[in-house]
Amino acid sequence: MKRRMQHFLNMLPLDKIGLIIVLVLCASSELKAQFPENPNNPFSQLDDDKFKEAEKKSKEKKPKPVIIEPFCKNLAESATYWQISAENLQIYKNKGLGYTELVKVVLISKKSGKTVDDVIKKRNTEETFKKICQRYNVDYEQIKVETKKIMSEVKIYGKK
């Protein structure tokens, strides 16, 4: 090995920096040849396909856990006849509805037979609850009264 290196160095006119670079490269390749790869090293066995696959998995969107506010939990527990979970109520709340709006949306959907999503779509098109109730043949005054009643029940329920 030394003889090959001397012969190689004699062939090339190198300055001191070039000589150091050549020595480091030769020494590092010699070290790599002496020590086999560690099978316990997780990075030694990664090839491009495995790396791309791992990167793809990490980029896949994982659903974020829904943090349920106390209001939605209390609402789901106090108004069990709705049969809507606290998590679903929180998802609707996260779509930009206020507490009172959330109660009204659910009441309108239950009385009209429409889905909560349909009522939310109408509400998001700047349509008032009064117009939505007229469209679905629901008494808006009754919705208002029930909303106030439910809101007071939920506030009391949360303090128990």
C-alpha atoms as a PDB file:
ATOM      1  CA  MET A   1       0.000   0.000   0.000  1.00  0.00           C
ATOM      2  CA  LYS A   2       2.749   2.443   0.942  1.00  0.00           C
ATOM      3  CA  ARG A   3       4.633   1.661  -2.220  1.00  0.00           C
ATOM      4  CA  ARG A   4       1.540   2.324  -4.379  1.00  0.00           C
ATOM      5  CA  MET A   5       0.941   5.599  -2.587  1.00  0.00           C
ATOM      6  CA  GLN A   6       4.548   6.730  -3.031  1.00  0.00           C
ATOM      7  CA  HIS A   7       4.447   5.832  -6.688  1.00  0.00           C
ATOM      8  CA  PHE A   8       1.165   7.735  -7.082  1.00  0.00           C
ATOM      9  CA  LEU A   9       2.543  10.776  -5.264  1.00  0.00           C
ATOM     10  CA  ASN A  10       5.704  10.793  -7.366  1.00  0.00           C
ATOM     11  CA  MET A  11       3.648  10.834 -10.552  1.00  0.00           C
ATOM     12  CA  LEU A  12       1.623  13.914  -9.639  1.00  0.00           C
ATOM     13  CA  PRO A  13       3.053  17.328  -8.890  1.00  0.00           C
ATOM     14  CA  LEU A  14       1.117  18.244  -5.733  1.00  0.00           C
ATOM     15  CA  ASP A  15       1.436  21.049  -3.256  1.00  0.00           C
ATOM     16  CA  LYS A  16       1.081  20.469   0.494  1.00  0.00           C
ATOM     17  CA  ILE A  17      -2.725  20.869   0.577  1.00  0.00           C
ATOM     18  CA  GLY A  18      -3.217  18.466  -2.293  1.00  0.00           C
ATOM     19  CA  LEU A  19      -0.942  15.976  -0.555  1.00  0.00           C
ATOM     20  CA  ILE A  20      -2.987  16.210   2.640  1.00  0.00           C
ATOM     21  CA  ILE A  21      -6.230  15.685   0.720  1.00  0.00           C
ATOM     22  CA  VAL A  22      -4.868  12.606  -1.026  1.00  0.00           C
ATOM     23  CA  LEU A  23      -3.614  11.157   2.266  1.00  0.00           C
ATOM     24  CA  VAL A  24      -6.975  11.717   3.985  1.00  0.00           C
ATOM     25  CA  LEU A  25      -8.881  10.103   1.124  1.00  0.00           C
ATOM     26  CA  CYS A  26      -6.597   7.093   1.042  1.00  0.00           C
ATOM     27  CA  ALA A  27      -6.694   6.683   4.812  1.00  0.00           C
ATOM     28  CA  SER A  28     -10.484   6.937   4.963  1.00  0.00           C
ATOM     29  CA  SER A  29     -10.968   4.369   2.217  1.00  0.00           C
ATOM     30  CA  GLU A  30      -8.503   2.080   3.977  1.00  0.00           C
ATOM     31  CA  LEU A  31     -10.434   2.442   7.263  1.00  0.00           C
ATOM     32  CA  LYS A  32     -13.750   1.694   5.592  1.00  0.00           C
ATOM     33  CA  ALA A  33     -12.294  -1.483   4.117  1.00  0.00           C
ATOM     34  CA  GLN A  34     -11.014  -2.636   7.534  1.00  0.00           C
ATOM     35  CA  PHE A  35     -14.305  -2.185   9.418  1.00  0.00           C
ATOM     36  CA  PRO A  36     -17.449  -3.886   8.156  1.00  0.00           C
ATOM     37  CA  GLU A  37     -20.789  -2.109   8.334  1.00  0.00           C
ATOM     38  CA  ASN A  38     -22.581  -2.351  11.650  1.00  0.00           C
ATOM     39  CA  PRO A  39     -25.841  -4.305  11.209  1.00  0.00           C
ATOM     40  CA  ASN A  40     -27.330  -2.480  14.215  1.00  0.00           C
ATOM     41  CA  ASN A  41     -26.845   0.909  12.585  1.00  0.00           C
ATOM     42  CA  PRO A  42     -30.243   1.886  11.115  1.00  0.00           C
ATOM     43  CA  PHE A  43     -28.631   4.173   8.561  1.00  0.00           C
ATOM     44  CA  SER A  44     -26.228   1.598   7.121  1.00  0.00           C
ATOM     45  CA  GLN A  45     -28.958  -0.397   5.385  1.00  0.00           C
ATOM     46  CA  LEU A  46     -31.017   2.456   3.965  1.00  0.00           C
ATOM     47  CA  ASP A  47     -31.190   2.530   0.239  1.00  0.00           C
ATOM     48  CA  ASP A  48     -32.954   5.137  -1.862  1.00  0.00           C
ATOM     49  CA  ASP A  49     -36.227   3.196  -2.101  1.00  0.00           C
ATOM     50  CA  LYS A  50     -36.511   2.688   1.643  1.00  0.00           C
ATOM     51  CA  PHE A  51     -35.600   6.312   2.276  1.00  0.00           C
ATOM     52  CA  LYS A  52     -38.207   7.559  -0.200  1.00  0.00           C
ATOM     53  CA  GLU A  53     -40.811   5.236   1.302  1.00  0.00           C
ATOM     54  CA  ALA A  54     -40.076   6.459   4.833  1.00  0.00           C
ATOM     55  CA  GLU A  55     -40.198  10.073   3.663  1.00  0.00           C
ATOM     56  CA  LYS A  56     -43.529   9.455   1.923  1.00  0.00           C
ATOM     57  CA  LYS A  57     -45.030   7.948   5.085  1.00  0.00           C
ATOM     58  CA  SER A  58     -43.890  10.894   7.176  1.00  0.00           C
ATOM     59  CA  LYS A  59     -45.422  13.350   4.708  1.00  0.00           C
ATOM     60  CA  GLU A  60     -48.807  11.622   4.775  1.00  0.00           C
ATOM     61  CA  LYS A  61     -51.254  13.712   6.725  1.00  0.00           C
ATOM     62  CA  LYS A  62     -52.149  12.275  10.058  1.00  0.00           C
ATOM     63  CA  PRO A  63     -55.499  13.395  11.399  1.00  0.00           C
ATOM     64  CA  LYS A  64     -55.093  15.861  14.198  1.00  0.00           C
ATOM     65  CA  PRO A  65     -56.857  14.918  17.385  1.00  0.00           C
ATOM     66  CA  VAL A  66     -59.910  17.044  18.059  1.00  0.00           C
ATOM     67  CA  ILE A  67     -59.671  18.934  21.331  1.00  0.00           C
ATOM     68  CA  ILE A  68     -63.170  19.013  22.753  1.00  0.00           C
ATOM     69  CA  GLU A  69     -64.202  22.190  24.533  1.00  0.00           C
ATOM     70  CA  PRO A  70     -66.202  21.845  27.760  1.00  0.00           C
ATOM     71  CA  PHE A  71     -69.222  23.489  26.106  1.00  0.00           C
ATOM     72  CA  CYS A  72     -69.437  20.811  23.405  1.00  0.00           C
ATOM     73  CA  LYS A  73     -68.975  18.053  25.963  1.00  0.00           C
ATOM     74  CA  ASN A  74     -71.708  19.508  28.189  1.00  0.00           C
ATOM     75  CA  LEU A  75     -73.988  20.051  25.195  1.00  0.00           C
ATOM     76  CA  ALA A  76     -73.605  16.451  24.026  1.00  0.00           C
ATOM     77  CA  GLU A  77     -74.251  15.126  27.529  1.00  0.00           C
ATOM     78  CA  SER A  78     -77.199  17.371  28.390  1.00  0.00           C
ATOM     79  CA  ALA A  79     -78.966  17.086  25.029  1.00  0.00           C
ATOM     80  CA  THR A  80     -78.585  13.354  24.497  1.00  0.00           C
ATOM     81  CA  TYR A  81     -81.715  13.124  22.344  1.00  0.00           C
ATOM     82  CA  TRP A  82     -79.708  14.728  19.511  1.00  0.00           C
ATOM     83  CA  GLN A  83     -77.495  11.661  19.308  1.00  0.00           C
ATOM     84  CA  ILE A  84     -74.511  13.742  18.251  1.00  0.00           C
ATOM     85  CA  SER A  85     -71.165  13.086  19.899  1.00  0.00           C
ATOM     86  CA  ALA A  86     -69.130  15.798  21.586  1.00  0.00           C
ATOM     87  CA  GLU A  87     -66.401  15.262  18.988  1.00  0.00           C
ATOM     88  CA  ASN A  88     -68.810  15.920  16.102  1.00  0.00           C
ATOM     89  CA  LEU A  89     -70.147  19.010  17.858  1.00  0.00           C
ATOM     90  CA  GLN A  90     -66.578  20.249  18.273  1.00  0.00           C
ATOM     91  CA  ILE A  91     -65.866  19.647  14.579  1.00  0.00           C
ATOM     92  CA  TYR A  92     -68.913  21.756  13.673  1.00  0.00           C
ATOM     93  CA  LYS A  93     -67.783  24.386  16.191  1.00  0.00           C
ATOM     94  CA  ASN A  94     -64.339  24.452  14.565  1.00  0.00           C
ATOM     95  CA  LYS A  95     -65.985  25.301  11.236  1.00  0.00           C
ATOM     96  CA  GLY A  96     -66.577  28.789  12.618  1.00  0.00           C
ATOM     97  CA  LEU A  97     -69.877  28.527  14.450  1.00  0.00           C
ATOM     98  CA  GLY A  98     -70.497  30.233  17.765  1.00  0.00           C
ATOM     99  CA  TYR A  99     -72.099  28.409  20.675  1.00  0.00           C
ATOM    100  CA  THR A 100     -75.607  29.730  19.999  1.00  0.00           C
ATOM    101  CA  GLU A 101     -75.220  29.164  16.260  1.00  0.00           C
ATOM    102  CA  LEU A 102     -74.142  25.593  16.921  1.00  0.00           C
ATOM    103  CA  VAL A 103     -77.276  24.909  18.942  1.00  0.00           C
ATOM    104  CA  LYS A 104     -79.498  26.544  16.301  1.00  0.00           C
ATOM    105  CA  VAL A 105     -77.885  24.599  13.463  1.00  0.00           C
ATOM    106  CA  VAL A 106     -78.424  21.280  15.213  1.00  0.00           C
ATOM    107  CA  LEU A 107     -82.015  22.152  16.158  1.00  0.00           C
ATOM    108  CA  ILE A 108     -82.864  23.200  12.594  1.00  0.00           C
ATOM    109  CA  SER A 109     -81.291  20.043  11.160  1.00  0.00           C
ATOM    110  CA  LYS A 110     -83.197  17.790  13.575  1.00  0.00           C
ATOM    111  CA  LYS A 111     -86.548  19.510  12.980  1.00  0.00           C
ATOM    112  CA  SER A 112     -86.159  19.720   9.195  1.00  0.00           C
ATOM    113  CA  GLY A 113     -84.643  16.292   8.617  1.00  0.00           C
ATOM    114  CA  LYS A 114     -81.651  17.815   6.814  1.00  0.00           C
ATOM    115  CA  THR A 115     -78.052  17.115   7.725  1.00  0.00           C
ATOM    116  CA  VAL A 116     -76.101  19.491   9.923  1.00  0.00           C
ATOM    117  CA  ASP A 117     -73.684  20.027   7.025  1.00  0.00           C
ATOM    118  CA  ASP A 118     -76.528  21.210   4.768  1.00  0.00           C
ATOM    119  CA  VAL A 119     -77.629  23.775   7.337  1.00  0.00           C
ATOM    120  CA  ILE A 120     -74.032  24.942   7.856  1.00  0.00           C
ATOM    121  CA  LYS A 121     -73.598  25.377   4.075  1.00  0.00           C
ATOM    122  CA  LYS A 122     -76.695  27.572   3.975  1.00  0.00           C
ATOM    123  CA  ARG A 123     -75.445  29.548   6.960  1.00  0.00           C
ATOM    124  CA  ASN A 124     -72.012  30.031   5.362  1.00  0.00           C
ATOM    125  CA  THR A 125     -73.660  31.586   2.289  1.00  0.00           C
ATOM    126  CA  GLU A 126     -74.646  34.521   4.543  1.00  0.00           C
ATOM    127  CA  GLU A 127     -78.213  33.253   4.800  1.00  0.00           C
ATOM    128  CA  THR A 128     -79.898  34.102   8.108  1.00  0.00           C
ATOM    129  CA  PHE A 129     -81.346  31.452  10.375  1.00  0.00           C
ATOM    130  CA  LYS A 130     -84.767  32.943   9.799  1.00  0.00           C
ATOM    131  CA  LYS A 131     -84.472  32.386   6.030  1.00  0.00           C
ATOM    132  CA  ILE A 132     -83.063  28.898   6.544  1.00  0.00           C
ATOM    133  CA  CYS A 133     -86.040  28.052   8.776  1.00  0.00           C
ATOM    134  CA  GLN A 134     -88.453  29.390   6.154  1.00  0.00           C
ATOM    135  CA  ARG A 135     -86.729  27.313   3.473  1.00  0.00           C
ATOM    136  CA  TYR A 136     -87.036  24.127   5.561  1.00  0.00           C
ATOM    137  CA  ASN A 137     -90.531  24.918   6.951  1.00  0.00           C
ATOM    138  CA  VAL A 138     -89.364  25.207  10.560  1.00  0.00           C
ATOM    139  CA  ASP A 139     -90.717  27.737  13.082  1.00  0.00           C
ATOM    140  CA  TYR A 140     -87.834  30.120  13.798  1.00  0.00           C
ATOM    141  CA  GLU A 141     -89.425  31.521  16.965  1.00  0.00           C
ATOM    142  CA  GLN A 142     -89.600  28.014  18.387  1.00  0.00           C
ATOM    143  CA  ILE A 143     -85.915  27.495  17.482  1.00  0.00           C
ATOM    144  CA  LYS A 144     -84.994  30.701  19.342  1.00  0.00           C
ATOM    145  CA  VAL A 145     -86.920  29.662  22.465  1.00  0.00           C
ATOM    146  CA  GLU A 146     -85.417  26.167  22.471  1.00  0.00           C
ATOM    147  CA  THR A 147     -81.935  27.586  21.893  1.00  0.00           C
ATOM    148  CA  LYS A 148     -82.220  29.846  24.943  1.00  0.00           C
ATOM    149  CA  LYS A 149     -83.499  26.953  27.030  1.00  0.00           C
ATOM    150  CA  ILE A 150     -80.696  24.619  25.915  1.00  0.00           C
ATOM    151  CA  MET A 151     -78.033  27.289  26.431  1.00  0.00           C
ATOM    152  CA  SER A 152     -79.188  27.856  30.009  1.00  0.00           C
ATOM    153  CA  GLU A 153     -79.301  24.091  30.643  1.00  0.00           C
ATOM    154  CA  VAL A 154     -75.798  23.603  29.284  1.00  0.00           C
ATOM    155  CA  LYS A 155     -74.413  26.422  31.434  1.00  0.00           C
ATOM    156  CA  ILE A 156     -76.032  24.919  34.540  1.00  0.00           C
ATOM    157  CA  TYR A 157     -74.955  21.408  33.529  1.00  0.00           C
ATOM    158  CA  GLY A 158     -71.336  22.507  33.267  1.00  0.00           C
ATOM    159  CA  LYS A 159     -71.328  23.891  36.825  1.00  0.00           C
ATOM    160  CA  LYS A 160     -72.596  20.735  38.530  1.00  0.00           C
END
